[in-house]
Amino acid sequence: MAALPAAGGAGGAGNLHNAQVVAINTESRHLNATEAAAAVRRAVLDYADANTILFKKIDSTLRGNVASETVAALQTSGRRMAILAPAFP
């Protein structure tokens, strides 16, 4: 697993060549919907490509900007479908 700084930080996709799993914390839960969506877009653009399995974790109680972040991830990645399955840990 490779843990990288928040999207837009130093590093980028060049550091991922040997990583099997990459976790990115966008720290967007307390941002407004527009800012949260922008943070997710940056993360997807910086770290995901067509061959990447994209997993967008959300808060189990649906706090934050679940809809705007999910739409941003779908639109930016070009994917057409998402499975939304919140669960308590």
PDB file of N, CA and C in Angstrom:
ATOM      1  N   MET A   1       0.852  -1.166   0.000  1.00  0.00           N
ATOM      2  CA  MET A   1       0.000   0.000   0.000  1.00  0.00           C
ATOM      3  C   MET A   1       0.897   1.228   0.000  1.00  0.00           C
ATOM      4  N   ALA A   2       0.501   2.226  -0.760  1.00  0.00           N
ATOM      5  CA  ALA A   2       1.213   3.499  -0.768  1.00  0.00           C
ATOM      6  C   ALA A   2       0.264   4.560  -0.260  1.00  0.00           C
ATOM      7  N   ALA A   3       0.651   5.269   0.749  1.00  0.00           N
ATOM      8  CA  ALA A   3      -0.156   6.382   1.254  1.00  0.00           C
ATOM      9  C   ALA A   3       0.486   7.660   0.751  1.00  0.00           C
ATOM     10  N   LEU A   4      -0.295   8.449   0.077  1.00  0.00           N
ATOM     11  CA  LEU A   4       0.228   9.667  -0.525  1.00  0.00           C
ATOM     12  C   LEU A   4      -0.428  10.890   0.079  1.00  0.00           C
ATOM     13  N   PRO A   5       0.171  12.051  -0.108  1.00  0.00           N
ATOM     14  CA  PRO A   5      -0.442  13.273   0.402  1.00  0.00           C
ATOM     15  C   PRO A   5      -1.758  13.542  -0.306  1.00  0.00           C
ATOM     16  N   ALA A   6      -2.539  14.442   0.258  1.00  0.00           N
ATOM     17  CA  ALA A   6      -3.816  14.820  -0.336  1.00  0.00           C
ATOM     18  C   ALA A   6      -3.607  15.226  -1.787  1.00  0.00           C
ATOM     19  N   ALA A   7      -4.636  15.065  -2.582  1.00  0.00           N
ATOM     20  CA  ALA A   7      -4.555  15.364  -4.014  1.00  0.00           C
ATOM     21  C   ALA A   7      -3.990  16.756  -4.232  1.00  0.00           C
ATOM     22  N   GLY A   8      -3.136  16.860  -5.221  1.00  0.00           N
ATOM     23  CA  GLY A   8      -2.520  18.147  -5.528  1.00  0.00           C
ATOM     24  C   GLY A   8      -1.219  18.360  -4.790  1.00  0.00           C
ATOM     25  N   GLY A   9      -0.887  17.455  -3.863  1.00  0.00           N
ATOM     26  CA  GLY A   9       0.342  17.595  -3.096  1.00  0.00           C
ATOM     27  C   GLY A   9       1.530  17.057  -3.870  1.00  0.00           C
ATOM     28  N   ALA A  10       2.684  17.093  -3.246  1.00  0.00           N
ATOM     29  CA  ALA A  10       3.895  16.578  -3.895  1.00  0.00           C
ATOM     30  C   ALA A  10       3.755  15.081  -4.099  1.00  0.00           C
ATOM     31  N   GLY A  11       4.331  14.568  -5.103  1.00  0.00           N
ATOM     32  CA  GLY A  11       4.264  13.133  -5.360  1.00  0.00           C
ATOM     33  C   GLY A  11       3.664  12.898  -6.718  1.00  0.00           C
ATOM     34  N   GLY A  12       2.416  12.508  -6.764  1.00  0.00           N
ATOM     35  CA  GLY A  12       1.748  12.274  -8.025  1.00  0.00           C
ATOM     36  C   GLY A  12       1.871  10.839  -8.469  1.00  0.00           C
ATOM     37  N   ALA A  13       1.335  10.574  -9.630  1.00  0.00           N
ATOM     38  CA  ALA A  13       1.243   9.215 -10.142  1.00  0.00           C
ATOM     39  C   ALA A  13       2.602   8.575 -10.380  1.00  0.00           C
ATOM     40  N   GLY A  14       3.656   9.359 -10.551  1.00  0.00           N
ATOM     41  CA  GLY A  14       4.976   8.797 -10.784  1.00  0.00           C
ATOM     42  C   GLY A  14       5.460   7.920  -9.649  1.00  0.00           C
ATOM     43  N   ASN A  15       4.968   8.117  -8.450  1.00  0.00           N
ATOM     44  CA  ASN A  15       5.383   7.326  -7.298  1.00  0.00           C
ATOM     45  C   ASN A  15       4.592   6.026  -7.155  1.00  0.00           C
ATOM     46  N   LEU A  16       3.676   5.759  -8.066  1.00  0.00           N
ATOM     47  CA  LEU A  16       2.760   4.636  -7.895  1.00  0.00           C
ATOM     48  C   LEU A  16       3.141   3.388  -8.672  1.00  0.00           C
ATOM     49  N   HIS A  17       4.210   3.413  -9.444  1.00  0.00           N
ATOM     50  CA  HIS A  17       4.474   2.328 -10.372  1.00  0.00           C
ATOM     51  C   HIS A  17       4.524   0.952  -9.735  1.00  0.00           C
ATOM     52  N   ASN A  18       4.922   0.817  -8.486  1.00  0.00           N
ATOM     53  CA  ASN A  18       4.987  -0.495  -7.840  1.00  0.00           C
ATOM     54  C   ASN A  18       3.885  -0.723  -6.809  1.00  0.00           C
ATOM     55  N   ALA A  19       3.035   0.256  -6.607  1.00  0.00           N
ATOM     56  CA  ALA A  19       1.989   0.133  -5.586  1.00  0.00           C
ATOM     57  C   ALA A  19       0.835  -0.720  -6.086  1.00  0.00           C
ATOM     58  N   GLN A  20       0.353  -1.603  -5.219  1.00  0.00           N
ATOM     59  CA  GLN A  20      -0.842  -2.377  -5.544  1.00  0.00           C
ATOM     60  C   GLN A  20      -2.092  -1.666  -5.072  1.00  0.00           C
ATOM     61  N   VAL A  21      -1.965  -0.884  -4.009  1.00  0.00           N
ATOM     62  CA  VAL A  21      -3.084  -0.150  -3.445  1.00  0.00           C
ATOM     63  C   VAL A  21      -2.604   1.252  -3.100  1.00  0.00           C
ATOM     64  N   VAL A  22      -3.404   2.232  -3.420  1.00  0.00           N
ATOM     65  CA  VAL A  22      -3.078   3.618  -3.094  1.00  0.00           C
ATOM     66  C   VAL A  22      -4.265   4.215  -2.356  1.00  0.00           C
ATOM     67  N   ALA A  23      -4.023   4.815  -1.212  1.00  0.00           N
ATOM     68  CA  ALA A  23      -5.063   5.477  -0.443  1.00  0.00           C
ATOM     69  C   ALA A  23      -4.802   6.979  -0.453  1.00  0.00           C
ATOM     70  N   ILE A  24      -5.811   7.732  -0.809  1.00  0.00           N
ATOM     71  CA  ILE A  24      -5.693   9.190  -0.872  1.00  0.00           C
ATOM     72  C   ILE A  24      -6.776   9.791   0.014  1.00  0.00           C
ATOM     73  N   ASN A  25      -6.369  10.597   0.956  1.00  0.00           N
ATOM     74  CA  ASN A  25      -7.314  11.294   1.815  1.00  0.00           C
ATOM     75  C   ASN A  25      -7.487  12.706   1.272  1.00  0.00           C
ATOM     76  N   THR A  26      -8.668  13.008   0.746  1.00  0.00           N
ATOM     77  CA  THR A  26      -8.913  14.340   0.194  1.00  0.00           C
ATOM     78  C   THR A  26      -9.296  15.343   1.285  1.00  0.00           C
ATOM     79  N   GLU A  27      -9.522  14.847   2.501  1.00  0.00           N
ATOM     80  CA  GLU A  27      -9.892  15.711   3.631  1.00  0.00           C
ATOM     81  C   GLU A  27     -11.033  16.653   3.249  1.00  0.00           C
ATOM     82  N   SER A  28     -12.063  16.098   2.627  1.00  0.00           N
ATOM     83  CA  SER A  28     -13.131  16.921   2.062  1.00  0.00           C
ATOM     84  C   SER A  28     -14.454  16.859   2.815  1.00  0.00           C
ATOM     85  N   ARG A  29     -14.530  16.093   3.879  1.00  0.00           N
ATOM     86  CA  ARG A  29     -15.810  15.928   4.571  1.00  0.00           C
ATOM     87  C   ARG A  29     -16.412  17.254   5.026  1.00  0.00           C
ATOM     88  N   HIS A  30     -15.583  18.186   5.474  1.00  0.00           N
ATOM     89  CA  HIS A  30     -16.116  19.431   6.028  1.00  0.00           C
ATOM     90  C   HIS A  30     -16.078  20.591   5.037  1.00  0.00           C
ATOM     91  N   LEU A  31     -15.736  20.320   3.784  1.00  0.00           N
ATOM     92  CA  LEU A  31     -15.743  21.357   2.750  1.00  0.00           C
ATOM     93  C   LEU A  31     -17.158  21.515   2.199  1.00  0.00           C
ATOM     94  N   ASN A  32     -17.406  22.651   1.504  1.00  0.00           N
ATOM     95  CA  ASN A  32     -18.696  22.759   0.842  1.00  0.00           C
ATOM     96  C   ASN A  32     -18.692  21.825  -0.371  1.00  0.00           C
ATOM     97  N   ALA A  33     -19.853  21.616  -0.971  1.00  0.00           N
ATOM     98  CA  ALA A  33     -19.990  20.623  -2.042  1.00  0.00           C
ATOM     99  C   ALA A  33     -19.076  20.910  -3.229  1.00  0.00           C
ATOM    100  N   THR A  34     -18.938  22.158  -3.608  1.00  0.00           N
ATOM    101  CA  THR A  34     -18.104  22.520  -4.754  1.00  0.00           C
ATOM    102  C   THR A  34     -16.632  22.235  -4.475  1.00  0.00           C
ATOM    103  N   GLU A  35     -16.155  22.624  -3.293  1.00  0.00           N
ATOM    104  CA  GLU A  35     -14.755  22.381  -2.929  1.00  0.00           C
ATOM    105  C   GLU A  35     -14.476  20.887  -2.779  1.00  0.00           C
ATOM    106  N   ALA A  36     -15.412  20.155  -2.201  1.00  0.00           N
ATOM    107  CA  ALA A  36     -15.245  18.709  -2.023  1.00  0.00           C
ATOM    108  C   ALA A  36     -15.160  18.008  -3.375  1.00  0.00           C
ATOM    109  N   ALA A  37     -16.030  18.391  -4.302  1.00  0.00           N
ATOM    110  CA  ALA A  37     -16.004  17.797  -5.639  1.00  0.00           C
ATOM    111  C   ALA A  37     -14.680  18.102  -6.335  1.00  0.00           C
ATOM    112  N   ALA A  38     -14.178  19.318  -6.181  1.00  0.00           N
ATOM    113  CA  ALA A  38     -12.894  19.691  -6.796  1.00  0.00           C
ATOM    114  C   ALA A  38     -11.749  18.860  -6.224  1.00  0.00           C
ATOM    115  N   ALA A  39     -11.767  18.591  -4.924  1.00  0.00           N
ATOM    116  CA  ALA A  39     -10.722  17.778  -4.300  1.00  0.00           C
ATOM    117  C   ALA A  39     -10.747  16.355  -4.850  1.00  0.00           C
ATOM    118  N   VAL A  40     -11.932  15.805  -5.037  1.00  0.00           N
ATOM    119  CA  VAL A  40     -12.053  14.452  -5.581  1.00  0.00           C
ATOM    120  C   VAL A  40     -11.606  14.433  -7.041  1.00  0.00           C
ATOM    121  N   ARG A  41     -11.990  15.452  -7.808  1.00  0.00           N
ATOM    122  CA  ARG A  41     -11.551  15.522  -9.209  1.00  0.00           C
ATOM    123  C   ARG A  41     -10.025  15.522  -9.310  1.00  0.00           C
ATOM    124  N   ARG A  42      -9.367  16.320  -8.463  1.00  0.00           N
ATOM    125  CA  ARG A  42      -7.899  16.367  -8.477  1.00  0.00           C
ATOM    126  C   ARG A  42      -7.309  14.995  -8.167  1.00  0.00           C
ATOM    127  N   ALA A  43      -7.872  14.307  -7.178  1.00  0.00           N
ATOM    128  CA  ALA A  43      -7.361  12.985  -6.807  1.00  0.00           C
ATOM    129  C   ALA A  43      -7.528  11.998  -7.955  1.00  0.00           C
ATOM    130  N   VAL A  44      -8.686  11.995  -8.588  1.00  0.00           N
ATOM    131  CA  VAL A  44      -8.926  11.070  -9.693  1.00  0.00           C
ATOM    132  C   VAL A  44      -8.004  11.397 -10.861  1.00  0.00           C
ATOM    133  N   LEU A  45      -7.862  12.674 -11.198  1.00  0.00           N
ATOM    134  CA  LEU A  45      -6.978  13.064 -12.302  1.00  0.00           C
ATOM    135  C   LEU A  45      -5.524  12.710 -12.014  1.00  0.00           C
ATOM    136  N   ASP A  46      -5.093  12.917 -10.776  1.00  0.00           N
ATOM    137  CA  ASP A  46      -3.702  12.682 -10.408  1.00  0.00           C
ATOM    138  C   ASP A  46      -3.347  11.205 -10.268  1.00  0.00           C
ATOM    139  N   TYR A  47      -4.290  10.369  -9.833  1.00  0.00           N
ATOM    140  CA  TYR A  47      -3.923   9.025  -9.414  1.00  0.00           C
ATOM    141  C   TYR A  47      -4.674   7.875 -10.071  1.00  0.00           C
ATOM    142  N   ALA A  48      -5.721   8.137 -10.822  1.00  0.00           N
ATOM    143  CA  ALA A  48      -6.502   7.037 -11.406  1.00  0.00           C
ATOM    144  C   ALA A  48      -6.439   7.093 -12.925  1.00  0.00           C
ATOM    145  N   ASP A  49      -6.391   5.923 -13.530  1.00  0.00           N
ATOM    146  CA  ASP A  49      -6.483   5.842 -14.983  1.00  0.00           C
ATOM    147  C   ASP A  49      -7.516   4.774 -15.329  1.00  0.00           C
ATOM    148  N   ALA A  50      -7.675   4.496 -16.602  1.00  0.00           N
ATOM    149  CA  ALA A  50      -8.708   3.561 -17.047  1.00  0.00           C
ATOM    150  C   ALA A  50      -8.502   2.147 -16.513  1.00  0.00           C
ATOM    151  N   ASN A  51      -7.281   1.796 -16.142  1.00  0.00           N
ATOM    152  CA  ASN A  51      -6.991   0.453 -15.648  1.00  0.00           C
ATOM    153  C   ASN A  51      -7.058   0.342 -14.130  1.00  0.00           C
ATOM    154  N   THR A  52      -7.413   1.405 -13.469  1.00  0.00           N
ATOM    155  CA  THR A  52      -7.448   1.452 -12.015  1.00  0.00           C
ATOM    156  C   THR A  52      -8.837   1.113 -11.502  1.00  0.00           C
ATOM    157  N   ILE A  53      -8.898   0.285 -10.488  1.00  0.00           N
ATOM    158  CA  ILE A  53     -10.166   0.089  -9.785  1.00  0.00           C
ATOM    159  C   ILE A  53     -10.303   1.270  -8.843  1.00  0.00           C
ATOM    160  N   LEU A  54     -11.363   2.015  -9.015  1.00  0.00           N
ATOM    161  CA  LEU A  54     -11.575   3.236  -8.236  1.00  0.00           C
ATOM    162  C   LEU A  54     -12.556   2.937  -7.116  1.00  0.00           C
ATOM    163  N   PHE A  55     -12.130   3.150  -5.891  1.00  0.00           N
ATOM    164  CA  PHE A  55     -12.953   2.902  -4.711  1.00  0.00           C
ATOM    165  C   PHE A  55     -13.084   4.218  -3.972  1.00  0.00           C
ATOM    166  N   LYS A  56     -14.278   4.794  -3.941  1.00  0.00           N
ATOM    167  CA  LYS A  56     -14.520   6.072  -3.266  1.00  0.00           C
ATOM    168  C   LYS A  56     -15.168   5.776  -1.925  1.00  0.00           C
ATOM    169  N   LYS A  57     -14.405   5.906  -0.877  1.00  0.00           N
ATOM    170  CA  LYS A  57     -14.924   5.643   0.467  1.00  0.00           C
ATOM    171  C   LYS A  57     -15.757   6.827   0.932  1.00  0.00           C
ATOM    172  N   ILE A  58     -16.858   6.524   1.570  1.00  0.00           N
ATOM    173  CA  ILE A  58     -17.715   7.568   2.137  1.00  0.00           C
ATOM    174  C   ILE A  58     -17.927   7.290   3.618  1.00  0.00           C
ATOM    175  N   ASP A  59     -18.388   8.290   4.315  1.00  0.00           N
ATOM    176  CA  ASP A  59     -18.686   8.151   5.732  1.00  0.00           C
ATOM    177  C   ASP A  59     -19.862   7.191   5.913  1.00  0.00           C
ATOM    178  N   SER A  60     -19.776   6.307   6.871  1.00  0.00           N
ATOM    179  CA  SER A  60     -20.813   5.291   7.064  1.00  0.00           C
ATOM    180  C   SER A  60     -22.161   5.883   7.457  1.00  0.00           C
ATOM    181  N   THR A  61     -22.164   7.093   7.988  1.00  0.00           N
ATOM    182  CA  THR A  61     -23.429   7.749   8.342  1.00  0.00           C
ATOM    183  C   THR A  61     -23.793   8.821   7.321  1.00  0.00           C
ATOM    184  N   LEU A  62     -23.121   8.790   6.177  1.00  0.00           N
ATOM    185  CA  LEU A  62     -23.384   9.680   5.042  1.00  0.00           C
ATOM    186  C   LEU A  62     -23.130  11.159   5.348  1.00  0.00           C
ATOM    187  N   ARG A  63     -22.214  11.428   6.272  1.00  0.00           N
ATOM    188  CA  ARG A  63     -21.832  12.815   6.523  1.00  0.00           C
ATOM    189  C   ARG A  63     -20.938  13.283   5.384  1.00  0.00           C
ATOM    190  N   GLY A  64     -20.925  14.558   5.140  1.00  0.00           N
ATOM    191  CA  GLY A  64     -20.085  15.112   4.089  1.00  0.00           C
ATOM    192  C   GLY A  64     -20.843  15.285   2.796  1.00  0.00           C
ATOM    193  N   ASN A  65     -20.123  15.288   1.703  1.00  0.00           N
ATOM    194  CA  ASN A  65     -20.679  15.591   0.384  1.00  0.00           C
ATOM    195  C   ASN A  65     -20.726  14.339  -0.487  1.00  0.00           C
ATOM    196  N   VAL A  66     -21.475  13.365  -0.033  1.00  0.00           N
ATOM    197  CA  VAL A  66     -21.509  12.063  -0.694  1.00  0.00           C
ATOM    198  C   VAL A  66     -21.905  12.196  -2.161  1.00  0.00           C
ATOM    199  N   ALA A  67     -22.975  12.914  -2.443  1.00  0.00           N
ATOM    200  CA  ALA A  67     -23.467  13.018  -3.824  1.00  0.00           C
ATOM    201  C   ALA A  67     -22.489  13.767  -4.718  1.00  0.00           C
ATOM    202  N   SER A  68     -22.044  14.941  -4.296  1.00  0.00           N
ATOM    203  CA  SER A  68     -21.166  15.735  -5.164  1.00  0.00           C
ATOM    204  C   SER A  68     -19.817  15.053  -5.380  1.00  0.00           C
ATOM    205  N   GLU A  69     -19.295  14.382  -4.369  1.00  0.00           N
ATOM    206  CA  GLU A  69     -18.017  13.685  -4.518  1.00  0.00           C
ATOM    207  C   GLU A  69     -18.153  12.449  -5.410  1.00  0.00           C
ATOM    208  N   THR A  70     -19.246  11.721  -5.280  1.00  0.00           N
ATOM    209  CA  THR A  70     -19.458  10.541  -6.110  1.00  0.00           C
ATOM    210  C   THR A  70     -19.634  10.933  -7.570  1.00  0.00           C
ATOM    211  N   VAL A  71     -20.429  11.968  -7.822  1.00  0.00           N
ATOM    212  CA  VAL A  71     -20.623  12.453  -9.195  1.00  0.00           C
ATOM    213  C   VAL A  71     -19.291  12.937  -9.772  1.00  0.00           C
ATOM    214  N   ALA A  72     -18.511  13.652  -8.980  1.00  0.00           N
ATOM    215  CA  ALA A  72     -17.210  14.144  -9.450  1.00  0.00           C
ATOM    216  C   ALA A  72     -16.285  12.981  -9.817  1.00  0.00           C
ATOM    217  N   ALA A  73     -16.271  11.938  -8.999  1.00  0.00           N
ATOM    218  CA  ALA A  73     -15.426  10.771  -9.286  1.00  0.00           C
ATOM    219  C   ALA A  73     -15.877  10.077 -10.568  1.00  0.00           C
ATOM    220  N   LEU A  74     -17.176   9.922 -10.747  1.00  0.00           N
ATOM    221  CA  LEU A  74     -17.702   9.289 -11.958  1.00  0.00           C
ATOM    222  C   LEU A  74     -17.377  10.115 -13.199  1.00  0.00           C
ATOM    223  N   GLN A  75     -17.680  11.408 -13.150  1.00  0.00           N
ATOM    224  CA  GLN A  75     -17.464  12.263 -14.315  1.00  0.00           C
ATOM    225  C   GLN A  75     -15.989  12.349 -14.687  1.00  0.00           C
ATOM    226  N   THR A  76     -15.134  12.514 -13.700  1.00  0.00           N
ATOM    227  CA  THR A  76     -13.711  12.692 -13.967  1.00  0.00           C
ATOM    228  C   THR A  76     -13.076  11.408 -14.479  1.00  0.00           C
ATOM    229  N   SER A  77     -13.515  10.277 -13.977  1.00  0.00           N
ATOM    230  CA  SER A  77     -12.932   8.999 -14.385  1.00  0.00           C
ATOM    231  C   SER A  77     -13.536   8.459 -15.676  1.00  0.00           C
ATOM    232  N   GLY A  78     -14.672   9.008 -16.090  1.00  0.00           N
ATOM    233  CA  GLY A  78     -15.344   8.511 -17.276  1.00  0.00           C
ATOM    234  C   GLY A  78     -16.167   7.263 -17.023  1.00  0.00           C
ATOM    235  N   ARG A  79     -16.283   6.894 -15.770  1.00  0.00           N
ATOM    236  CA  ARG A  79     -17.087   5.715 -15.445  1.00  0.00           C
ATOM    237  C   ARG A  79     -18.568   6.090 -15.452  1.00  0.00           C
ATOM    238  N   ARG A  80     -19.408   5.096 -15.714  1.00  0.00           N
ATOM    239  CA  ARG A  80     -20.833   5.364 -15.832  1.00  0.00           C
ATOM    240  C   ARG A  80     -21.643   4.852 -14.660  1.00  0.00           C
ATOM    241  N   MET A  81     -21.048   4.044 -13.805  1.00  0.00           N
ATOM    242  CA  MET A  81     -21.785   3.417 -12.733  1.00  0.00           C
ATOM    243  C   MET A  81     -21.004   3.434 -11.434  1.00  0.00           C
ATOM    244  N   ALA A  82     -21.733   3.502 -10.335  1.00  0.00           N
ATOM    245  CA  ALA A  82     -21.124   3.404  -9.007  1.00  0.00           C
ATOM    246  C   ALA A  82     -21.991   2.511  -8.139  1.00  0.00           C
ATOM    247  N   ILE A  83     -21.368   1.797  -7.249  1.00  0.00           N
ATOM    248  CA  ILE A  83     -22.092   1.037  -6.239  1.00  0.00           C
ATOM    249  C   ILE A  83     -21.943   1.816  -4.941  1.00  0.00           C
ATOM    250  N   LEU A  84     -23.050   2.193  -4.359  1.00  0.00           N
ATOM    251  CA  LEU A  84     -23.030   2.943  -3.104  1.00  0.00           C
ATOM    252  C   LEU A  84     -23.533   2.029  -2.015  1.00  0.00           C
ATOM    253  N   ALA A  85     -22.642   1.647  -1.100  1.00  0.00           N
ATOM    254  CA  ALA A  85     -23.001   0.680  -0.071  1.00  0.00           C
ATOM    255  C   ALA A  85     -22.405   1.091   1.271  1.00  0.00           C
ATOM    256  N   PRO A  86     -22.986   2.117   1.912  1.00  0.00           N
ATOM    257  CA  PRO A  86     -22.457   2.506   3.214  1.00  0.00           C
ATOM    258  C   PRO A  86     -22.752   1.403   4.250  1.00  0.00           C
ATOM    259  N   ALA A  87     -21.798   1.212   5.128  1.00  0.00           N
ATOM    260  CA  ALA A  87     -21.965   0.200   6.170  1.00  0.00           C
ATOM    261  C   ALA A  87     -21.202   0.643   7.399  1.00  0.00           C
ATOM    262  N   PHE A  88     -21.713   0.304   8.541  1.00  0.00           N
ATOM    263  CA  PHE A  88     -21.008   0.620   9.768  1.00  0.00           C
ATOM    264  C   PHE A  88     -19.846  -0.354   9.923  1.00  0.00           C
ATOM    265  N   PRO A  89     -18.691   0.156  10.354  1.00  0.00           N
ATOM    266  CA  PRO A  89     -17.515  -0.729  10.484  1.00  0.00           C
ATOM    267  C   PRO A  89     -17.711  -1.811  11.523  1.00  0.00           C
TER     268      PRO A  89
END
